[in-house]
């Protein structure tokens, strides 16, 4: 399981999304430069729900390595939902960029999407390899008959 690159990609994506539960999204800076208020990703319930769904899908994709097609679809769905989360964060940034300072954790979904898509590509390559090998075995058996 861990010797495959796509498993490592999925693990990195899961860790990045999991870290967002414990990090701040943005802070409001006071006039004197001190932090007046910090906003976590889980302080807003829709963000927390999306993060929980994405984490669940990544863990599901990480643990279903024996069912490649399901794993690939789960990782792709996770990437799509993560893109939606990143777009929502971008809209928040565009609407409040003068009031809030966004932390580096706001780009974690983008990095997780990249990892998920790399994992999907690796899973697809493995599936195509397995299908071609089984096709070759099948044609070899038919010639012997």
C-alpha atoms as a PDB file:
ATOM      1  CA  UNK A   1       0.000   0.000   0.000  1.00  0.00           C
ATOM      2  CA  UNK A   2       2.587   2.607   1.068  1.00  0.00           C
ATOM      3  CA  UNK A   3       4.996   1.787  -1.747  1.00  0.00           C
ATOM      4  CA  UNK A   4       2.694   3.440  -4.271  1.00  0.00           C
ATOM      5  CA  UNK A   5       3.145   7.130  -4.998  1.00  0.00           C
ATOM      6  CA  UNK A   6      -0.610   7.724  -5.119  1.00  0.00           C
ATOM      7  CA  UNK A   7      -0.947   6.509  -1.528  1.00  0.00           C
ATOM      8  CA  UNK A   8       1.612   9.073  -0.437  1.00  0.00           C
ATOM      9  CA  UNK A   9      -0.198  11.787  -2.408  1.00  0.00           C
ATOM     10  CA  UNK A  10      -3.473  10.882  -0.710  1.00  0.00           C
ATOM     11  CA  UNK A  11      -1.775  10.849   2.706  1.00  0.00           C
ATOM     12  CA  UNK A  12      -0.287  14.304   2.126  1.00  0.00           C
ATOM     13  CA  UNK A  13      -3.677  15.650   0.994  1.00  0.00           C
ATOM     14  CA  UNK A  14      -5.332  14.150   4.076  1.00  0.00           C
ATOM     15  CA  UNK A  15      -2.719  15.673   6.381  1.00  0.00           C
ATOM     16  CA  UNK A  16      -3.057  19.105   4.752  1.00  0.00           C
ATOM     17  CA  UNK A  17      -6.835  19.100   5.104  1.00  0.00           C
ATOM     18  CA  UNK A  18      -6.599  17.672   8.630  1.00  0.00           C
ATOM     19  CA  UNK A  19      -4.252  20.479   9.677  1.00  0.00           C
ATOM     20  CA  UNK A  20      -6.865  23.015   8.671  1.00  0.00           C
ATOM     21  CA  UNK A  21      -9.035  21.936  11.606  1.00  0.00           C
ATOM     22  CA  UNK A  22      -6.426  23.335  13.986  1.00  0.00           C
ATOM     23  CA  UNK A  23      -5.221  26.427  12.121  1.00  0.00           C
ATOM     24  CA  UNK A  24      -6.566  29.938  11.710  1.00  0.00           C
ATOM     25  CA  UNK A  25      -7.973  31.063   8.394  1.00  0.00           C
ATOM     26  CA  UNK A  26      -7.469  34.769   8.947  1.00  0.00           C
ATOM     27  CA  UNK A  27      -6.852  37.373  11.581  1.00  0.00           C
ATOM     28  CA  UNK A  28      -8.153  40.887  11.997  1.00  0.00           C
ATOM     29  CA  UNK A  29      -5.281  43.228  12.708  1.00  0.00           C
ATOM     30  CA  UNK A  30      -5.849  46.199  15.015  1.00  0.00           C
ATOM     31  CA  UNK A  31      -4.531  49.675  14.269  1.00  0.00           C
ATOM     32  CA  UNK A  32      -1.538  49.141  16.552  1.00  0.00           C
ATOM     33  CA  UNK A  33      -0.541  45.965  14.687  1.00  0.00           C
ATOM     34  CA  UNK A  34      -1.755  43.474  17.253  1.00  0.00           C
ATOM     35  CA  UNK A  35      -4.140  40.654  16.463  1.00  0.00           C
ATOM     36  CA  UNK A  36      -7.651  41.765  17.386  1.00  0.00           C
ATOM     37  CA  UNK A  37      -9.484  38.573  16.438  1.00  0.00           C
ATOM     38  CA  UNK A  38      -8.569  35.238  14.846  1.00  0.00           C
ATOM     39  CA  UNK A  39     -10.936  33.185  12.700  1.00  0.00           C
ATOM     40  CA  UNK A  40     -10.424  29.442  12.489  1.00  0.00           C
ATOM     41  CA  UNK A  41     -11.677  27.273   9.677  1.00  0.00           C
ATOM     42  CA  UNK A  42     -13.957  25.437  12.070  1.00  0.00           C
ATOM     43  CA  UNK A  43     -15.461  28.591  13.580  1.00  0.00           C
ATOM     44  CA  UNK A  44     -17.733  28.847  10.529  1.00  0.00           C
ATOM     45  CA  UNK A  45     -19.934  25.739  10.387  1.00  0.00           C
ATOM     46  CA  UNK A  46     -20.113  25.336   6.560  1.00  0.00           C
ATOM     47  CA  UNK A  47     -16.309  25.341   6.398  1.00  0.00           C
ATOM     48  CA  UNK A  48     -16.178  22.743   9.167  1.00  0.00           C
ATOM     49  CA  UNK A  49     -18.695  20.550   7.325  1.00  0.00           C
ATOM     50  CA  UNK A  50     -16.762  20.793   4.057  1.00  0.00           C
ATOM     51  CA  UNK A  51     -13.494  20.021   5.824  1.00  0.00           C
ATOM     52  CA  UNK A  52     -15.064  16.982   7.508  1.00  0.00           C
ATOM     53  CA  UNK A  53     -16.444  15.706   4.187  1.00  0.00           C
ATOM     54  CA  UNK A  54     -13.124  16.204   2.404  1.00  0.00           C
ATOM     55  CA  UNK A  55     -11.200  14.514   5.208  1.00  0.00           C
ATOM     56  CA  UNK A  56     -13.615  11.576   5.198  1.00  0.00           C
ATOM     57  CA  UNK A  57     -13.309  11.186   1.409  1.00  0.00           C
ATOM     58  CA  UNK A  58      -9.508  11.341   1.558  1.00  0.00           C
ATOM     59  CA  UNK A  59      -9.365   8.737   4.336  1.00  0.00           C
ATOM     60  CA  UNK A  60     -11.804   6.568   2.378  1.00  0.00           C
ATOM     61  CA  UNK A  61      -9.659   6.872  -0.751  1.00  0.00           C
ATOM     62  CA  UNK A  62      -6.545   6.138   1.279  1.00  0.00           C
ATOM     63  CA  UNK A  63      -7.943   2.933   2.764  1.00  0.00           C
ATOM     64  CA  UNK A  64      -9.648   1.452  -0.313  1.00  0.00           C
ATOM     65  CA  UNK A  65      -6.475   0.700  -2.233  1.00  0.00           C
ATOM     66  CA  UNK A  66      -7.732  -2.757  -3.267  1.00  0.00           C
ATOM     67  CA  UNK A  67     -10.707  -1.277  -5.142  1.00  0.00           C
ATOM     68  CA  UNK A  68      -8.883   1.010  -7.567  1.00  0.00           C
ATOM     69  CA  UNK A  69     -11.878   2.370  -9.488  1.00  0.00           C
ATOM     70  CA  UNK A  70     -13.679   3.331  -6.259  1.00  0.00           C
ATOM     71  CA  UNK A  71     -10.470   4.823  -4.890  1.00  0.00           C
ATOM     72  CA  UNK A  72      -9.986   6.889  -8.034  1.00  0.00           C
ATOM     73  CA  UNK A  73     -13.573   8.183  -7.994  1.00  0.00           C
ATOM     74  CA  UNK A  74     -13.395   9.011  -4.307  1.00  0.00           C
ATOM     75  CA  UNK A  75     -10.146  10.941  -4.756  1.00  0.00           C
ATOM     76  CA  UNK A  76     -11.616  12.808  -7.733  1.00  0.00           C
ATOM     77  CA  UNK A  77     -14.745  13.705  -5.741  1.00  0.00           C
ATOM     78  CA  UNK A  78     -12.551  14.916  -2.908  1.00  0.00           C
ATOM     79  CA  UNK A  79     -10.622  17.101  -5.365  1.00  0.00           C
ATOM     80  CA  UNK A  80     -13.841  18.601  -6.747  1.00  0.00           C
ATOM     81  CA  UNK A  81     -15.178  19.447  -3.287  1.00  0.00           C
ATOM     82  CA  UNK A  82     -11.787  20.842  -2.298  1.00  0.00           C
ATOM     83  CA  UNK A  83     -11.821  23.089  -5.383  1.00  0.00           C
ATOM     84  CA  UNK A  84     -15.213  24.381  -4.243  1.00  0.00           C
ATOM     85  CA  UNK A  85     -13.772  25.100  -0.784  1.00  0.00           C
ATOM     86  CA  UNK A  86     -10.794  26.912  -2.295  1.00  0.00           C
ATOM     87  CA  UNK A  87     -13.101  28.979  -4.520  1.00  0.00           C
ATOM     88  CA  UNK A  88     -15.161  29.895  -1.454  1.00  0.00           C
ATOM     89  CA  UNK A  89     -11.997  30.962   0.363  1.00  0.00           C
ATOM     90  CA  UNK A  90     -10.990  33.067  -2.664  1.00  0.00           C
ATOM     91  CA  UNK A  91     -14.367  34.812  -2.620  1.00  0.00           C
ATOM     92  CA  UNK A  92     -13.951  35.475   1.112  1.00  0.00           C
ATOM     93  CA  UNK A  93     -10.512  36.889   0.449  1.00  0.00           C
ATOM     94  CA  UNK A  94     -11.754  39.122  -2.365  1.00  0.00           C
ATOM     95  CA  UNK A  95     -14.610  40.482  -0.294  1.00  0.00           C
ATOM     96  CA  UNK A  96     -12.667  41.107   2.939  1.00  0.00           C
ATOM     97  CA  UNK A  97      -9.051  41.546   1.876  1.00  0.00           C
ATOM     98  CA  UNK A  98      -8.744  45.004   3.403  1.00  0.00           C
ATOM     99  CA  UNK A  99     -10.098  43.937   6.803  1.00  0.00           C
ATOM    100  CA  UNK A 100      -8.453  40.547   7.284  1.00  0.00           C
ATOM    101  CA  UNK A 101      -5.024  39.071   6.862  1.00  0.00           C
ATOM    102  CA  UNK A 102      -5.260  35.524   5.557  1.00  0.00           C
ATOM    103  CA  UNK A 103      -2.859  32.902   6.869  1.00  0.00           C
ATOM    104  CA  UNK A 104      -0.824  30.470   4.756  1.00  0.00           C
ATOM    105  CA  UNK A 105      -3.276  27.678   5.650  1.00  0.00           C
ATOM    106  CA  UNK A 106      -5.728  29.253   3.205  1.00  0.00           C
ATOM    107  CA  UNK A 107      -3.755  27.681   0.328  1.00  0.00           C
ATOM    108  CA  UNK A 108      -3.755  24.173   1.832  1.00  0.00           C
ATOM    109  CA  UNK A 109      -6.872  23.201  -0.185  1.00  0.00           C
ATOM    110  CA  UNK A 110      -5.074  24.118  -3.402  1.00  0.00           C
ATOM    111  CA  UNK A 111      -2.123  21.927  -2.460  1.00  0.00           C
ATOM    112  CA  UNK A 112      -4.525  19.124  -1.469  1.00  0.00           C
ATOM    113  CA  UNK A 113      -6.239  19.345  -4.887  1.00  0.00           C
ATOM    114  CA  UNK A 114      -2.893  18.965  -6.616  1.00  0.00           C
ATOM    115  CA  UNK A 115      -2.078  15.924  -4.466  1.00  0.00           C
ATOM    116  CA  UNK A 116      -5.521  14.397  -5.094  1.00  0.00           C
ATOM    117  CA  UNK A 117      -5.213  14.862  -8.853  1.00  0.00           C
ATOM    118  CA  UNK A 118      -1.733  13.331  -8.871  1.00  0.00           C
ATOM    119  CA  UNK A 119      -3.167  10.393  -6.922  1.00  0.00           C
ATOM    120  CA  UNK A 120      -6.010   9.999  -9.425  1.00  0.00           C
ATOM    121  CA  UNK A 121      -3.488   9.959 -12.247  1.00  0.00           C
ATOM    122  CA  UNK A 122      -1.415   7.290 -10.499  1.00  0.00           C
ATOM    123  CA  UNK A 123      -4.452   5.143  -9.694  1.00  0.00           C
ATOM    124  CA  UNK A 124      -5.614   5.390 -13.301  1.00  0.00           C
ATOM    125  CA  UNK A 125      -2.176   4.342 -14.548  1.00  0.00           C
ATOM    126  CA  UNK A 126      -2.211   1.317 -12.216  1.00  0.00           C
ATOM    127  CA  UNK A 127      -5.696   0.340 -13.340  1.00  0.00           C
ATOM    128  CA  UNK A 128      -4.748   0.575 -17.007  1.00  0.00           C
ATOM    129  CA  UNK A 129      -1.670  -1.575 -16.331  1.00  0.00           C
ATOM    130  CA  UNK A 130      -3.757  -4.223 -14.584  1.00  0.00           C
ATOM    131  CA  UNK A 131      -6.341  -4.227 -17.383  1.00  0.00           C
ATOM    132  CA  UNK A 132      -3.706  -4.554 -20.095  1.00  0.00           C
ATOM    133  CA  UNK A 133      -1.978  -7.406 -18.250  1.00  0.00           C
ATOM    134  CA  UNK A 134      -5.253  -9.265 -17.800  1.00  0.00           C
ATOM    135  CA  UNK A 135      -6.062  -8.691 -21.467  1.00  0.00           C
ATOM    136  CA  UNK A 136      -2.706 -10.179 -22.460  1.00  0.00           C
ATOM    137  CA  UNK A 137      -3.266 -13.199 -20.209  1.00  0.00           C
ATOM    138  CA  UNK A 138      -6.722 -13.700 -21.649  1.00  0.00           C
ATOM    139  CA  UNK A 139      -5.499 -13.585 -25.260  1.00  0.00           C
ATOM    140  CA  UNK A 140      -2.625 -15.958 -24.425  1.00  0.00           C
ATOM    141  CA  UNK A 141      -5.101 -18.475 -22.915  1.00  0.00           C
ATOM    142  CA  UNK A 142      -7.328 -18.243 -25.974  1.00  0.00           C
ATOM    143  CA  UNK A 143      -4.426 -18.983 -28.333  1.00  0.00           C
ATOM    144  CA  UNK A 144      -3.502 -22.137 -26.381  1.00  0.00           C
ATOM    145  CA  UNK A 145      -6.992 -23.575 -26.753  1.00  0.00           C
END
